[in-house]
Amino acid sequence: MELRHLRYFVAVADAGSLTVAAEQKLHTSQPSLSRQIRDLEQEVGVQLMQRRAHGVELTLADSARCRPAFRDDLAHHSDLKSPTHSEMMSPSNPG
């Protein structure tokens, strides 16, 4: 599991919207963020959120357990900065 997946999940959960999280919190595109969330869901083997016409809703059973655990993992790795999509695509980034 990649740290950015955890960061993305927490941002979407906090915003209640893939679009808001993508544009205002993570500075990436909504389709890219949606793909990352689906990858995370496949990796953990559960659907973490229901996609709705006006935002997302966390699934009760799985997200209630995962969100605090993901936050703990992020806090544990707070000294590591996972670059945003914009930062990775920047001409100043050789990678």
N, C-alpha and C. Protein backbone atom coordinates (compact mmCIF):
# COMPACT_ATOMS: atom_id res chain seq x y z
N MET A 1 0.85 -1.18 0.00
CA MET A 1 0.00 0.00 0.00
C MET A 1 0.89 1.23 0.00
N GLU A 2 0.57 2.16 -0.84
CA GLU A 2 1.37 3.37 -0.95
C GLU A 2 0.81 4.47 -0.05
N LEU A 3 1.72 5.25 0.49
CA LEU A 3 1.33 6.34 1.40
C LEU A 3 0.38 7.32 0.72
N ARG A 4 0.59 7.58 -0.56
CA ARG A 4 -0.29 8.53 -1.26
C ARG A 4 -1.72 8.02 -1.31
N HIS A 5 -1.91 6.70 -1.40
CA HIS A 5 -3.27 6.16 -1.38
C HIS A 5 -3.97 6.51 -0.07
N LEU A 6 -3.24 6.41 1.02
CA LEU A 6 -3.82 6.75 2.33
C LEU A 6 -4.16 8.23 2.39
N ARG A 7 -3.22 9.05 1.92
CA ARG A 7 -3.44 10.49 1.93
C ARG A 7 -4.64 10.87 1.06
N TYR A 8 -4.76 10.24 -0.08
CA TYR A 8 -5.88 10.50 -0.99
C TYR A 8 -7.20 10.09 -0.36
N PHE A 9 -7.23 8.91 0.26
CA PHE A 9 -8.46 8.45 0.89
C PHE A 9 -8.91 9.42 1.98
N VAL A 10 -7.99 9.81 2.84
CA VAL A 10 -8.33 10.73 3.94
C VAL A 10 -8.82 12.06 3.38
N ALA A 11 -8.19 12.56 2.32
CA ALA A 11 -8.62 13.83 1.72
C ALA A 11 -10.04 13.72 1.17
N VAL A 12 -10.34 12.62 0.49
CA VAL A 12 -11.69 12.43 -0.06
C VAL A 12 -12.69 12.26 1.07
N ALA A 13 -12.35 11.49 2.07
CA ALA A 13 -13.25 11.28 3.21
C ALA A 13 -13.55 12.61 3.91
N ASP A 14 -12.53 13.43 4.09
CA ASP A 14 -12.72 14.73 4.74
C ASP A 14 -13.55 15.68 3.89
N ALA A 15 -13.30 15.68 2.57
CA ALA A 15 -14.01 16.59 1.68
C ALA A 15 -15.41 16.11 1.34
N GLY A 16 -15.63 14.80 1.39
CA GLY A 16 -16.93 14.25 1.03
C GLY A 16 -17.18 14.27 -0.47
N SER A 17 -16.12 14.52 -1.23
CA SER A 17 -16.27 14.65 -2.69
C SER A 17 -14.92 14.38 -3.35
N LEU A 18 -14.95 13.54 -4.38
CA LEU A 18 -13.73 13.31 -5.16
C LEU A 18 -13.29 14.60 -5.86
N THR A 19 -14.24 15.33 -6.41
CA THR A 19 -13.92 16.55 -7.15
C THR A 19 -13.30 17.61 -6.24
N VAL A 20 -13.92 17.84 -5.09
CA VAL A 20 -13.40 18.84 -4.15
C VAL A 20 -12.01 18.43 -3.66
N ALA A 21 -11.86 17.17 -3.28
CA ALA A 21 -10.55 16.69 -2.81
C ALA A 21 -9.50 16.84 -3.89
N ALA A 22 -9.85 16.48 -5.12
CA ALA A 22 -8.89 16.55 -6.22
C ALA A 22 -8.46 17.99 -6.48
N GLU A 23 -9.43 18.87 -6.61
CA GLU A 23 -9.14 20.24 -7.01
C GLU A 23 -8.60 21.12 -5.89
N GLN A 24 -9.18 21.00 -4.69
CA GLN A 24 -8.84 21.94 -3.63
C GLN A 24 -7.81 21.42 -2.64
N LYS A 25 -7.76 20.12 -2.46
CA LYS A 25 -6.84 19.59 -1.45
C LYS A 25 -5.60 18.95 -2.06
N LEU A 26 -5.77 18.24 -3.16
CA LEU A 26 -4.67 17.45 -3.71
C LEU A 26 -4.09 18.01 -5.00
N HIS A 27 -4.79 18.95 -5.61
CA HIS A 27 -4.33 19.59 -6.85
C HIS A 27 -3.99 18.58 -7.93
N THR A 28 -4.94 17.69 -8.17
CA THR A 28 -4.82 16.69 -9.21
C THR A 28 -6.16 16.60 -9.93
N SER A 29 -6.27 15.76 -10.92
CA SER A 29 -7.54 15.64 -11.63
C SER A 29 -8.46 14.64 -10.92
N GLN A 30 -9.74 14.85 -11.07
CA GLN A 30 -10.71 13.95 -10.45
C GLN A 30 -10.61 12.52 -11.00
N PRO A 31 -10.47 12.32 -12.32
CA PRO A 31 -10.35 10.94 -12.81
C PRO A 31 -9.12 10.22 -12.25
N SER A 32 -8.02 10.94 -12.12
CA SER A 32 -6.81 10.34 -11.56
C SER A 32 -7.03 9.95 -10.10
N LEU A 33 -7.64 10.83 -9.34
CA LEU A 33 -7.92 10.55 -7.93
C LEU A 33 -8.88 9.37 -7.81
N SER A 34 -9.91 9.34 -8.61
CA SER A 34 -10.86 8.24 -8.59
C SER A 34 -10.15 6.91 -8.85
N ARG A 35 -9.24 6.91 -9.80
CA ARG A 35 -8.49 5.70 -10.14
C ARG A 35 -7.63 5.26 -8.94
N GLN A 36 -7.01 6.23 -8.26
CA GLN A 36 -6.19 5.90 -7.10
C GLN A 36 -7.02 5.30 -5.96
N ILE A 37 -8.23 5.84 -5.76
CA ILE A 37 -9.11 5.31 -4.72
C ILE A 37 -9.55 3.89 -5.08
N ARG A 38 -9.86 3.65 -6.35
CA ARG A 38 -10.22 2.29 -6.79
C ARG A 38 -9.05 1.33 -6.58
N ASP A 39 -7.84 1.78 -6.86
CA ASP A 39 -6.66 0.94 -6.63
C ASP A 39 -6.54 0.57 -5.15
N LEU A 40 -6.75 1.55 -4.28
CA LEU A 40 -6.70 1.30 -2.84
C LEU A 40 -7.78 0.30 -2.44
N GLU A 41 -8.99 0.48 -2.94
CA GLU A 41 -10.08 -0.44 -2.62
C GLU A 41 -9.76 -1.86 -3.08
N GLN A 42 -9.16 -1.99 -4.24
CA GLN A 42 -8.77 -3.32 -4.72
C GLN A 42 -7.69 -3.92 -3.83
N GLU A 43 -6.76 -3.09 -3.40
CA GLU A 43 -5.67 -3.58 -2.57
C GLU A 43 -6.16 -4.05 -1.20
N VAL A 44 -7.08 -3.31 -0.59
CA VAL A 44 -7.58 -3.72 0.73
C VAL A 44 -8.74 -4.70 0.63
N GLY A 45 -9.28 -4.86 -0.58
CA GLY A 45 -10.31 -5.87 -0.80
C GLY A 45 -11.71 -5.50 -0.38
N VAL A 46 -11.97 -4.21 -0.17
CA VAL A 46 -13.31 -3.76 0.21
C VAL A 46 -13.61 -2.43 -0.48
N GLN A 47 -14.89 -2.17 -0.66
CA GLN A 47 -15.30 -0.87 -1.17
C GLN A 47 -15.34 0.09 0.00
N LEU A 48 -14.56 1.15 -0.07
CA LEU A 48 -14.43 2.10 1.03
C LEU A 48 -15.45 3.22 0.97
N MET A 49 -15.95 3.51 -0.24
CA MET A 49 -16.92 4.59 -0.36
C MET A 49 -17.89 4.32 -1.49
N GLN A 50 -19.09 4.85 -1.32
CA GLN A 50 -20.12 4.79 -2.35
C GLN A 50 -20.03 6.08 -3.15
N ARG A 51 -19.94 5.95 -4.45
CA ARG A 51 -19.93 7.14 -5.30
C ARG A 51 -21.37 7.56 -5.53
N ARG A 52 -21.66 8.81 -5.28
CA ARG A 52 -23.00 9.37 -5.46
C ARG A 52 -22.93 10.50 -6.49
N ALA A 53 -24.09 10.92 -6.96
CA ALA A 53 -24.14 12.02 -7.93
C ALA A 53 -23.57 13.31 -7.34
N HIS A 54 -23.73 13.48 -6.04
CA HIS A 54 -23.26 14.70 -5.38
C HIS A 54 -22.31 14.34 -4.25
N GLY A 55 -21.19 13.74 -4.58
CA GLY A 55 -20.18 13.42 -3.58
C GLY A 55 -20.06 11.94 -3.32
N VAL A 56 -19.35 11.63 -2.27
CA VAL A 56 -19.14 10.24 -1.87
C VAL A 56 -19.63 10.04 -0.45
N GLU A 57 -19.93 8.81 -0.14
CA GLU A 57 -20.36 8.45 1.21
C GLU A 57 -19.51 7.26 1.64
N LEU A 58 -18.88 7.37 2.78
CA LEU A 58 -18.07 6.27 3.27
C LEU A 58 -18.97 5.09 3.61
N THR A 59 -18.50 3.89 3.27
CA THR A 59 -19.25 2.71 3.67
C THR A 59 -19.09 2.55 5.17
N LEU A 60 -20.14 2.16 5.84
CA LEU A 60 -20.14 2.13 7.30
C LEU A 60 -19.15 1.13 7.88
N ALA A 61 -19.21 -0.09 7.44
CA ALA A 61 -18.40 -1.14 8.07
C ALA A 61 -16.91 -0.95 7.85
N ASP A 62 -16.52 -0.76 6.61
CA ASP A 62 -15.10 -0.77 6.31
C ASP A 62 -14.41 0.57 6.51
N SER A 63 -15.02 1.64 6.09
CA SER A 63 -14.38 2.94 6.21
C SER A 63 -14.30 3.42 7.64
N ALA A 64 -15.24 3.03 8.47
CA ALA A 64 -15.18 3.42 9.88
C ALA A 64 -13.93 2.84 10.54
N ARG A 65 -13.52 1.67 10.09
CA ARG A 65 -12.29 1.06 10.61
C ARG A 65 -11.07 1.62 9.91
N CYS A 66 -11.13 1.80 8.61
CA CYS A 66 -9.95 2.17 7.82
C CYS A 66 -9.53 3.62 8.02
N ARG A 67 -10.47 4.53 8.10
CA ARG A 67 -10.12 5.95 8.16
C ARG A 67 -9.21 6.28 9.34
N PRO A 68 -9.55 5.83 10.57
CA PRO A 68 -8.62 6.11 11.69
C PRO A 68 -7.28 5.41 11.51
N ALA A 69 -7.29 4.20 10.98
CA ALA A 69 -6.03 3.48 10.77
C ALA A 69 -5.18 4.19 9.73
N PHE A 70 -5.80 4.67 8.67
CA PHE A 70 -5.07 5.40 7.64
C PHE A 70 -4.51 6.69 8.21
N ARG A 71 -5.29 7.37 9.04
CA ARG A 71 -4.80 8.61 9.66
C ARG A 71 -3.59 8.31 10.55
N ASP A 72 -3.65 7.21 11.30
CA ASP A 72 -2.52 6.83 12.15
C ASP A 72 -1.28 6.56 11.31
N ASP A 73 -1.45 5.86 10.20
CA ASP A 73 -0.31 5.59 9.31
C ASP A 73 0.26 6.89 8.76
N LEU A 74 -0.61 7.81 8.38
CA LEU A 74 -0.14 9.09 7.86
C LEU A 74 0.60 9.87 8.94
N ALA A 75 0.09 9.87 10.15
CA ALA A 75 0.75 10.58 11.24
C ALA A 75 2.12 9.96 11.52
N HIS A 76 2.19 8.66 11.44
CA HIS A 76 3.45 7.95 11.67
C HIS A 76 4.49 8.33 10.61
N HIS A 77 4.03 8.60 9.41
CA HIS A 77 4.92 8.95 8.31
C HIS A 77 4.89 10.45 8.00
N SER A 78 4.55 11.25 8.98
CA SER A 78 4.37 12.68 8.73
C SER A 78 5.64 13.37 8.25
N ASP A 79 6.78 12.77 8.52
CA ASP A 79 8.02 13.38 8.05
C ASP A 79 8.26 13.10 6.57
N LEU A 80 7.51 12.17 5.99
CA LEU A 80 7.62 11.88 4.56
C LEU A 80 6.58 12.69 3.83
N LYS A 81 6.95 13.31 2.76
CA LYS A 81 6.01 14.10 1.97
C LYS A 81 5.78 13.36 0.66
N SER A 82 4.57 12.94 0.44
CA SER A 82 4.21 12.32 -0.82
C SER A 82 3.85 13.42 -1.81
N PRO A 83 4.56 13.51 -2.93
CA PRO A 83 4.31 14.62 -3.86
C PRO A 83 2.94 14.52 -4.51
N THR A 84 2.36 15.67 -4.78
CA THR A 84 1.11 15.71 -5.52
C THR A 84 1.40 15.43 -6.98
N HIS A 85 0.36 15.18 -7.74
CA HIS A 85 0.51 14.95 -9.18
C HIS A 85 1.21 16.15 -9.83
N SER A 86 0.80 17.35 -9.46
CA SER A 86 1.41 18.56 -10.03
C SER A 86 2.90 18.62 -9.75
N GLU A 87 3.29 18.25 -8.53
CA GLU A 87 4.70 18.28 -8.19
C GLU A 87 5.48 17.23 -8.99
N MET A 88 4.88 16.06 -9.19
CA MET A 88 5.56 15.01 -9.93
C MET A 88 5.73 15.40 -11.40
N MET A 89 4.80 16.19 -11.92
CA MET A 89 4.84 16.57 -13.34
C MET A 89 5.63 17.85 -13.57
N SER A 90 6.10 18.48 -12.51
CA SER A 90 6.84 19.73 -12.62
C SER A 90 8.14 19.52 -13.39
N PRO A 91 8.50 20.47 -14.25
CA PRO A 91 9.77 20.36 -15.00
C PRO A 91 10.98 20.32 -14.08
N SER A 92 10.86 20.83 -12.86
CA SER A 92 11.99 20.82 -11.93
C SER A 92 12.19 19.46 -11.29
N ASN A 93 11.25 18.53 -11.49
CA ASN A 93 11.36 17.20 -10.92
C ASN A 93 11.96 16.28 -11.98
N PRO A 94 13.18 15.80 -11.78
CA PRO A 94 13.82 14.97 -12.79
C PRO A 94 13.22 13.58 -12.91
N GLY A 95 12.45 13.13 -11.90
CA GLY A 95 11.90 11.77 -11.91
C GLY A 95 10.63 11.75 -12.61
